[in-house]
Structures are given as structure tokens and as C-alpha cells.
Amino acid sequence: MKWTQEEEEILKREYATTSTRELAQKLNHSPFAIAMRASKLGLQKMRYKKYEAKIRELLQQNKTKKEIARELGVSETTLRSYIRKLQL
């Protein structure tokens, strides 16, 4: 399926902080197509370790996952993935 200019803009804006699965659903492309297009555009995922201290701090403040995700600019699904990877 051909990529539209709008789809590429969304991909550029959201790829770093949104899961590939979520983007695939949002843009109606396969996860493989998302990854391939992102690679072609030179996009990279934001590394979850960068957020570790901030996530710990916000969890200690009893912030909800929704609040933390909003503050970090990531989806709740992505935040849950970070928390799982960080074993928090």
C-alpha cells in the first residue's frame, strides 16, 4: 500500500514514542511496513532508559499511568511497556 504525505508526517511525529503496533493500527499498515518506512526515513525509537528516573519520580508521586504518559508524551501502552522493561 502506498504511503500518503499525511501518513508519513504522522509517522515522523509519533514513531519515537509510539509503539509500532499502535502506529500500524492507526495508519492501517502492517508493523513490518511501519518499521521499514521508519527505517527508510531514518527514524529511531526513543530509548526507554532515558525515561527511567522520571517514571520512578512520577510513580513515587502517585501519579496515574495516564498522567505519566501524558507528561512524557507517550501513549499509555508505551508507558506500560517501559514500566515492564524497567521492572518497576
Protein backbone atom coordinates (compact mmCIF):
# COMPACT_ATOMS: atom_id res chain seq x y z
CA MET A 1 0.00 0.00 0.00
CA LYS A 2 1.32 3.44 -0.92
CA TRP A 3 2.14 5.93 1.83
CA THR A 4 0.44 9.32 1.80
CA GLN A 5 2.17 12.53 2.82
CA GLU A 6 -0.12 12.72 5.87
CA GLU A 7 0.78 9.18 6.96
CA GLU A 8 4.48 9.96 6.69
CA GLU A 9 4.04 13.12 8.77
CA ILE A 10 2.22 11.13 11.47
CA LEU A 11 4.97 8.51 11.37
CA LYS A 12 7.69 11.17 11.69
CA ARG A 13 5.87 12.86 14.57
CA GLU A 14 4.94 9.75 16.55
CA TYR A 15 7.43 6.98 15.73
CA ALA A 16 9.92 7.72 18.51
CA THR A 17 7.37 7.47 21.30
CA THR A 18 4.54 5.28 19.99
CA SER A 19 4.63 1.51 19.70
CA THR A 20 4.89 0.06 16.22
CA ARG A 21 1.72 -1.94 16.85
CA GLU A 22 -0.24 1.21 17.72
CA LEU A 23 1.06 3.02 14.64
CA ALA A 24 0.20 0.04 12.45
CA GLN A 25 -3.40 0.16 13.68
CA LYS A 26 -3.62 3.94 13.40
CA LEU A 27 -2.14 4.10 9.90
CA ASN A 28 -3.62 0.85 8.56
CA HIS A 29 -0.22 -0.59 7.63
CA SER A 30 1.47 -3.72 8.94
CA PRO A 31 4.00 -3.42 11.77
CA PHE A 32 6.64 -4.56 9.24
CA ALA A 33 5.63 -1.77 6.84
CA ILE A 34 5.84 0.77 9.69
CA ALA A 35 9.34 -0.39 10.64
CA MET A 36 10.54 -0.42 7.03
CA ARG A 37 9.18 3.06 6.27
CA ALA A 38 10.61 4.43 9.53
CA SER A 39 14.00 2.96 8.62
CA LYS A 40 13.83 4.49 5.15
CA LEU A 41 13.05 7.88 6.73
CA GLY A 42 15.88 7.48 9.24
CA LEU A 43 13.57 7.43 12.26
CA GLN A 44 14.50 5.79 15.55
CA LYS A 45 12.61 4.78 18.67
CA MET A 46 13.14 6.72 21.89
CA ARG A 47 15.00 4.54 24.32
CA TYR A 48 13.00 3.78 27.43
CA LYS A 49 16.05 4.03 29.72
CA LYS A 50 16.02 7.79 29.08
CA TYR A 51 12.71 7.97 30.97
CA GLU A 52 13.60 5.72 33.90
CA ALA A 53 14.34 8.43 36.51
CA LYS A 54 11.30 10.49 35.51
CA ILE A 55 8.99 7.45 35.58
CA ARG A 56 10.26 6.47 39.04
CA GLU A 57 9.77 10.02 40.30
CA LEU A 58 6.22 10.28 38.97
CA LEU A 59 5.26 6.84 40.29
CA GLN A 60 6.53 7.88 43.74
CA GLN A 61 4.28 10.94 43.47
CA ASN A 62 1.36 8.51 42.99
CA LYS A 63 0.63 9.80 39.50
CA THR A 64 -1.58 7.60 37.38
CA LYS A 65 -0.22 5.89 34.29
CA LYS A 66 -2.42 8.16 32.21
CA GLU A 67 -0.90 11.26 33.84
CA ILE A 68 2.64 9.94 33.48
CA ALA A 69 2.13 9.03 29.82
CA ARG A 70 0.72 12.48 29.11
CA GLU A 71 3.67 14.17 30.85
CA LEU A 72 6.21 12.08 28.94
CA GLY A 73 4.39 12.49 25.64
CA VAL A 74 3.93 8.75 25.11
CA SER A 75 0.88 6.52 24.92
CA GLU A 76 -0.27 4.54 27.96
CA THR A 77 0.57 1.34 26.10
CA THR A 78 4.12 2.56 25.51
CA LEU A 79 4.42 3.61 29.16
CA ARG A 80 3.27 0.17 30.34
CA SER A 81 5.91 -1.37 28.08
CA TYR A 82 8.59 0.90 29.59
CA ILE A 83 7.49 0.02 33.12
CA ARG A 84 7.59 -3.68 32.30
CA LYS A 85 11.06 -3.40 30.72
CA LEU A 86 12.33 -1.38 33.69
CA GLN A 87 10.73 -3.91 36.08
CA LEU A 88 9.01 -1.16 38.07
